[in-house]
Amino acid sequence: MLVNDSPVIALRSAAFGYADRVVVHDVSLTVRPGETIAIVGANGCGKSTLVKGLLGLNDQLGGSVELFGTPLASFKDRSLVGYVPQRHTLSTSVASTVQEVVAIGRLPHQGLLARLRPVDRQIIASSLEVVGLEGHAREEVSTLSGGQQRRVLVARALAAEPRVLVMDEPTAGVDLTNQRLLTDVIIGLRDQGVAQLIVTHEIDALRPALTRVVAMSGGTVTFDGSLAAYDARAVALLTGHDHHHDDDPDPHAHALGHRHLGLDEPLGRGGHRA
């Protein structure tokens, strides 16, 4: 049960970019513990720039951005915000075991000598158990499948004990079995109160875990609502109506299997795309 429902992320008219180039603008978004939010939209719409802005990986160029009630510029405890980057596999240029990769997540909690303490080893083991890889700790990451390597990256992020987890395309290039396993992990974290922002082109595999969908276009948010509202809008876009007719046997069938179906595009009059 969640005791504290205070926002973990609060953006008001926020803008992010690089030096003087604004990529994301006028974004207002509040994220609370346990929310699992898919961020969708076409390539180049600003999804990755938005989440990287929250991580301090690009520049805040306007508005207000707070993490755990603290302005982004003053926020110090970066271990509270975990990150799974947009990459399909881990580098195989250096031989590393699964346990060694996950141990990197403990670095923010270690002293100058960076030695693993018993508590660190326990958290590493627990993180591997969460993602279903407890039996692979001593294996070389290069011997794992792409989907398993994605779960190693999730375990590395979890080892830092974050309260917010940002994932960039976690299911890209991953087979259906591993997509389902990742979704189960996301559901478990959601139920533990971990807030999650998931940049994705495809939401079908994640549907059981999602609490909200945020769609972006042109560097700003064009939709923020429940999965049901997202599906309803998809139906409206496909049919040109803002409601379904009784002779439509399954209006939501049109929405299932879509990527973002143009939901990142602003609507013009009559419910059509502008």
Protein backbone atom coordinates (compact mmCIF):
# COMPACT_ATOMS: atom_id res chain seq x y z
CA MET A 1 0.00 0.00 0.00
CA LEU A 2 1.33 3.42 -0.94
CA VAL A 3 1.61 5.79 2.00
CA ASN A 4 3.09 8.82 0.23
CA ASP A 5 1.27 9.88 -2.93
CA SER A 6 3.27 13.07 -3.45
CA PRO A 7 4.51 13.58 -7.03
CA VAL A 8 7.89 12.08 -7.80
CA ILE A 9 8.07 14.13 -11.02
CA ALA A 10 6.37 17.47 -11.65
CA LEU A 11 6.81 19.45 -14.87
CA ARG A 12 5.12 22.77 -15.57
CA SER A 13 5.59 24.34 -19.01
CA ALA A 14 8.97 22.60 -19.16
CA ALA A 15 11.37 22.88 -22.07
CA PHE A 16 14.44 20.75 -22.84
CA GLY A 17 17.04 20.80 -25.55
CA TYR A 18 20.70 21.35 -26.30
CA ALA A 19 22.40 24.73 -25.68
CA ASP A 20 20.03 27.20 -27.36
CA ARG A 21 18.09 24.62 -29.42
CA VAL A 22 14.69 23.82 -27.91
CA VAL A 23 13.50 20.30 -28.75
CA VAL A 24 10.76 19.78 -26.13
CA HIS A 25 8.57 22.67 -25.06
CA ASP A 26 5.54 23.56 -22.93
CA VAL A 27 5.27 20.15 -21.25
CA SER A 28 3.26 19.85 -18.04
CA LEU A 29 3.28 16.40 -16.49
CA THR A 30 2.84 14.96 -13.00
CA VAL A 31 3.96 11.43 -12.09
CA ARG A 32 3.08 9.78 -8.79
CA PRO A 33 4.39 6.61 -7.10
CA GLY A 34 3.25 3.42 -8.80
CA GLU A 35 2.22 5.04 -12.08
CA THR A 36 3.42 3.26 -15.21
CA ILE A 37 3.30 5.64 -18.16
CA ALA A 38 3.96 4.84 -21.81
CA ILE A 39 5.36 7.79 -23.76
CA VAL A 40 4.51 7.33 -27.43
CA GLY A 41 4.90 9.23 -30.68
CA ALA A 42 6.69 9.23 -34.01
CA ASN A 43 10.46 9.31 -34.32
CA GLY A 44 11.78 12.79 -33.62
CA CYS A 45 8.76 13.94 -31.61
CA GLY A 46 10.82 14.52 -28.47
CA LYS A 47 10.17 11.39 -26.39
CA SER A 48 13.79 10.57 -25.63
CA THR A 49 14.72 14.23 -25.20
CA LEU A 50 11.99 14.57 -22.57
CA VAL A 51 13.12 11.63 -20.43
CA LYS A 52 16.81 12.47 -20.86
CA GLY A 53 15.98 15.95 -19.63
CA LEU A 54 14.64 14.43 -16.42
CA LEU A 55 17.93 12.56 -16.06
CA GLY A 56 20.00 15.70 -16.55
CA LEU A 57 21.42 14.40 -19.84
CA ASN A 58 20.43 17.54 -21.75
CA ASP A 59 19.58 21.13 -20.87
CA GLN A 60 16.47 22.46 -19.16
CA LEU A 61 15.63 25.53 -21.23
CA GLY A 62 12.46 26.70 -19.54
CA GLY A 63 9.59 26.06 -17.18
CA SER A 64 9.64 24.22 -13.88
CA VAL A 65 11.01 20.70 -13.34
CA GLU A 66 10.96 19.04 -9.93
CA LEU A 67 12.08 15.58 -8.81
CA PHE A 68 10.76 14.51 -5.42
CA GLY A 69 9.79 18.12 -4.71
CA THR A 70 13.28 19.47 -5.49
CA PRO A 71 14.10 21.63 -8.53
CA LEU A 72 16.04 19.63 -11.11
CA ALA A 73 19.09 21.91 -10.89
CA SER A 74 19.33 21.26 -7.14
CA PHE A 75 18.48 17.55 -7.16
CA LYS A 76 21.44 15.46 -5.97
CA ASP A 77 20.28 11.92 -5.22
CA ARG A 78 20.44 10.59 -8.78
CA SER A 79 20.24 6.99 -7.58
CA LEU A 80 16.52 7.57 -6.98
CA VAL A 81 16.00 7.77 -10.75
CA GLY A 82 17.02 4.60 -12.60
CA TYR A 83 17.63 4.51 -16.35
CA VAL A 84 17.52 1.70 -18.91
CA PRO A 85 18.94 3.21 -22.13
CA GLN A 86 17.83 2.60 -25.68
CA ARG A 87 20.10 -0.24 -26.69
CA HIS A 88 19.32 -3.78 -27.73
CA THR A 89 22.30 -5.58 -26.28
CA LEU A 90 25.27 -5.05 -23.99
CA SER A 91 28.73 -4.57 -25.40
CA THR A 92 30.63 -7.81 -25.80
CA SER A 93 34.02 -6.11 -26.24
CA VAL A 94 34.83 -6.64 -22.57
CA ALA A 95 34.13 -9.96 -20.85
CA SER A 96 31.75 -9.40 -17.94
CA THR A 97 29.47 -11.65 -15.99
CA VAL A 98 25.83 -10.82 -15.41
CA GLN A 99 26.57 -10.21 -11.73
CA GLU A 100 29.40 -7.79 -12.57
CA VAL A 101 27.16 -5.74 -14.87
CA VAL A 102 24.38 -5.53 -12.29
CA ALA A 103 26.93 -4.57 -9.61
CA ILE A 104 27.53 -1.30 -11.50
CA GLY A 105 24.14 -0.19 -10.23
CA ARG A 106 25.49 -0.27 -6.66
CA LEU A 107 28.28 2.27 -7.32
CA PRO A 108 26.29 5.30 -6.06
CA HIS A 109 25.92 3.56 -2.69
CA GLN A 110 29.53 2.45 -2.27
CA GLY A 111 32.46 4.21 -0.66
CA LEU A 112 35.66 5.38 -2.32
CA LEU A 113 37.03 1.84 -2.54
CA ALA A 114 33.87 0.68 -4.32
CA ARG A 115 33.98 -2.68 -2.58
CA LEU A 116 30.86 -4.81 -2.52
CA ARG A 117 29.47 -5.22 0.96
CA PRO A 118 27.17 -8.06 2.00
CA VAL A 119 24.17 -5.71 1.63
CA ASP A 120 25.28 -4.87 -1.93
CA ARG A 121 25.55 -8.53 -2.85
CA GLN A 122 22.10 -9.15 -1.40
CA ILE A 123 20.56 -6.32 -3.45
CA ILE A 124 22.32 -7.53 -6.62
CA ALA A 125 20.92 -11.02 -6.06
CA SER A 126 17.47 -9.61 -5.38
CA SER A 127 17.59 -7.47 -8.55
CA LEU A 128 18.46 -10.53 -10.63
CA GLU A 129 15.64 -12.46 -9.01
CA VAL A 130 13.16 -9.69 -9.87
CA VAL A 131 14.01 -9.98 -13.58
CA GLY A 132 14.14 -13.78 -13.50
CA LEU A 133 17.87 -14.16 -14.09
CA GLU A 134 18.99 -15.40 -10.68
CA GLY A 135 20.37 -18.57 -12.26
CA HIS A 136 22.58 -16.65 -14.70
CA ALA A 137 24.63 -14.50 -12.30
CA ARG A 138 28.02 -16.03 -13.17
CA GLU A 139 27.42 -16.35 -16.91
CA GLU A 140 29.05 -14.07 -19.46
CA VAL A 141 26.54 -11.50 -20.69
CA SER A 142 27.67 -12.19 -24.25
CA THR A 143 26.19 -15.71 -24.00
CA LEU A 144 22.68 -14.41 -23.22
CA SER A 145 19.94 -13.68 -25.72
CA GLY A 146 19.07 -10.09 -26.60
CA GLY A 147 15.95 -10.23 -24.45
CA GLN A 148 17.91 -11.57 -21.48
CA GLN A 149 20.48 -8.81 -21.90
CA ARG A 150 17.69 -6.23 -21.77
CA ARG A 151 16.62 -7.72 -18.45
CA VAL A 152 20.22 -7.49 -17.21
CA LEU A 153 20.06 -3.74 -17.93
CA VAL A 154 16.83 -3.51 -15.95
CA ALA A 155 18.45 -5.39 -13.06
CA ARG A 156 21.42 -3.00 -13.16
CA ALA A 157 19.04 -0.06 -12.82
CA LEU A 158 17.12 -1.77 -10.01
CA ALA A 159 20.33 -2.40 -8.07
CA ALA A 160 20.50 1.33 -7.40
CA GLU A 161 17.13 1.04 -5.60
CA PRO A 162 15.37 3.74 -7.64
CA ARG A 163 11.92 5.12 -6.90
CA VAL A 164 11.52 6.18 -10.53
CA LEU A 165 12.57 3.98 -13.45
CA VAL A 166 12.96 5.45 -16.94
CA MET A 167 13.15 2.93 -19.80
CA ASP A 168 13.81 3.85 -23.43
CA GLU A 169 12.34 1.26 -25.85
CA PRO A 170 12.76 -1.73 -23.49
CA THR A 171 10.89 -4.15 -25.78
CA ALA A 172 12.58 -3.13 -29.06
CA GLY A 173 14.20 -6.10 -30.76
CA VAL A 174 13.02 -8.44 -28.00
CA ASP A 175 11.12 -11.66 -28.71
CA LEU A 176 7.58 -12.17 -27.45
CA THR A 177 8.59 -14.38 -24.52
CA ASN A 178 11.03 -11.80 -23.18
CA GLN A 179 8.52 -9.00 -23.81
CA ARG A 180 6.07 -10.83 -21.56
CA LEU A 181 8.75 -11.39 -18.92
CA LEU A 182 9.65 -7.68 -19.00
CA THR A 183 5.99 -6.77 -18.66
CA ASP A 184 5.72 -9.01 -15.59
CA VAL A 185 8.75 -7.22 -14.10
CA ILE A 186 7.14 -3.83 -14.79
CA ILE A 187 3.90 -4.95 -13.14
CA GLY A 188 5.80 -6.12 -10.07
CA LEU A 189 7.64 -2.79 -9.78
CA ARG A 190 4.41 -0.88 -10.28
CA ASP A 191 2.80 -2.82 -7.44
CA GLN A 192 5.78 -1.97 -5.22
CA GLY A 193 5.15 1.74 -5.85
CA VAL A 194 7.99 2.37 -8.32
CA ALA A 195 6.98 5.04 -10.84
CA GLN A 196 7.93 4.14 -14.42
CA LEU A 197 8.23 6.17 -17.61
CA ILE A 198 8.53 3.95 -20.68
CA VAL A 199 9.39 5.40 -24.08
CA THR A 200 7.99 3.01 -26.66
CA HIS A 201 6.70 2.69 -30.22
CA GLU A 202 4.55 -0.32 -29.40
CA ILE A 203 2.35 -0.56 -26.34
CA ASP A 204 0.63 -3.91 -26.92
CA ALA A 205 3.11 -5.97 -24.89
CA LEU A 206 2.97 -3.42 -22.08
CA ARG A 207 -0.81 -3.06 -21.87
CA PRO A 208 -1.30 -5.11 -18.68
CA ALA A 209 1.20 -2.88 -16.85
CA LEU A 210 0.17 0.59 -18.02
CA THR A 211 -1.75 3.10 -15.96
CA ARG A 212 -1.45 6.02 -18.42
CA VAL A 213 -0.40 6.94 -21.93
CA VAL A 214 1.28 10.21 -22.89
CA ALA A 215 1.50 10.99 -26.62
CA MET A 216 3.88 13.56 -28.08
CA SER A 217 4.18 15.42 -31.37
CA GLY A 218 6.34 18.33 -32.42
CA GLY A 219 8.12 18.38 -29.10
CA THR A 220 5.09 18.69 -26.86
CA VAL A 221 2.39 16.56 -25.23
CA THR A 222 -0.79 16.17 -27.29
CA PHE A 223 -2.52 13.52 -25.17
CA ASP A 224 -2.33 12.44 -21.53
CA GLY A 225 -4.86 9.95 -20.24
CA SER A 226 -5.85 6.40 -19.48
CA LEU A 227 -5.27 3.47 -21.80
CA ALA A 228 -9.04 3.28 -22.40
CA ALA A 229 -9.14 6.95 -23.41
CA TYR A 230 -6.12 6.40 -25.66
CA ASP A 231 -7.87 3.49 -27.39
CA ALA A 232 -11.07 5.50 -27.75
CA ARG A 233 -9.16 8.30 -29.41
CA ALA A 234 -7.51 5.79 -31.73
CA VAL A 235 -10.98 4.59 -32.78
CA ALA A 236 -12.09 8.18 -33.38
CA LEU A 237 -9.06 8.83 -35.55
CA LEU A 238 -9.60 5.69 -37.60
CA THR A 239 -13.32 6.17 -38.08
CA GLY A 240 -13.49 9.95 -38.17
CA HIS A 241 -16.00 9.93 -35.30
CA ASP A 242 -15.78 10.81 -31.64
CA HIS A 243 -17.99 7.86 -30.66
CA HIS A 244 -18.73 4.35 -31.90
CA HIS A 245 -21.92 3.06 -33.45
CA ASP A 246 -23.94 0.13 -32.19
CA ASP A 247 -23.34 -1.69 -35.48
CA ASP A 248 -19.59 -1.65 -34.85
CA PRO A 249 -19.05 -5.12 -33.35
CA ASP A 250 -15.75 -4.30 -31.68
CA PRO A 251 -14.66 -0.69 -31.93
CA HIS A 252 -11.58 -1.25 -29.83
CA ALA A 253 -10.35 -3.92 -32.22
CA HIS A 254 -9.21 -1.09 -34.46
CA ALA A 255 -6.98 0.22 -31.70
CA LEU A 256 -5.44 -3.11 -30.76
CA GLY A 257 -2.19 -3.87 -32.48
CA HIS A 258 -1.50 -0.22 -33.39
CA ARG A 259 1.68 1.58 -32.62
CA HIS A 260 0.58 5.13 -31.91
CA LEU A 261 -1.91 5.51 -34.79
CA GLY A 262 -1.23 9.18 -35.21
CA LEU A 263 -2.16 9.94 -31.63
CA ASP A 264 0.92 12.08 -31.51
CA GLU A 265 -0.69 14.40 -34.05
CA PRO A 266 -2.91 17.25 -32.87
CA LEU A 267 -6.58 16.94 -33.71
CA GLY A 268 -8.32 19.48 -35.90
CA ARG A 269 -12.03 20.17 -36.16
CA GLY A 270 -14.34 17.21 -36.30
CA GLY A 271 -11.83 14.91 -34.66
CA HIS A 272 -9.64 14.65 -37.76
CA ARG A 273 -5.90 15.07 -37.81
CA ALA A 274 -4.74 18.61 -38.31
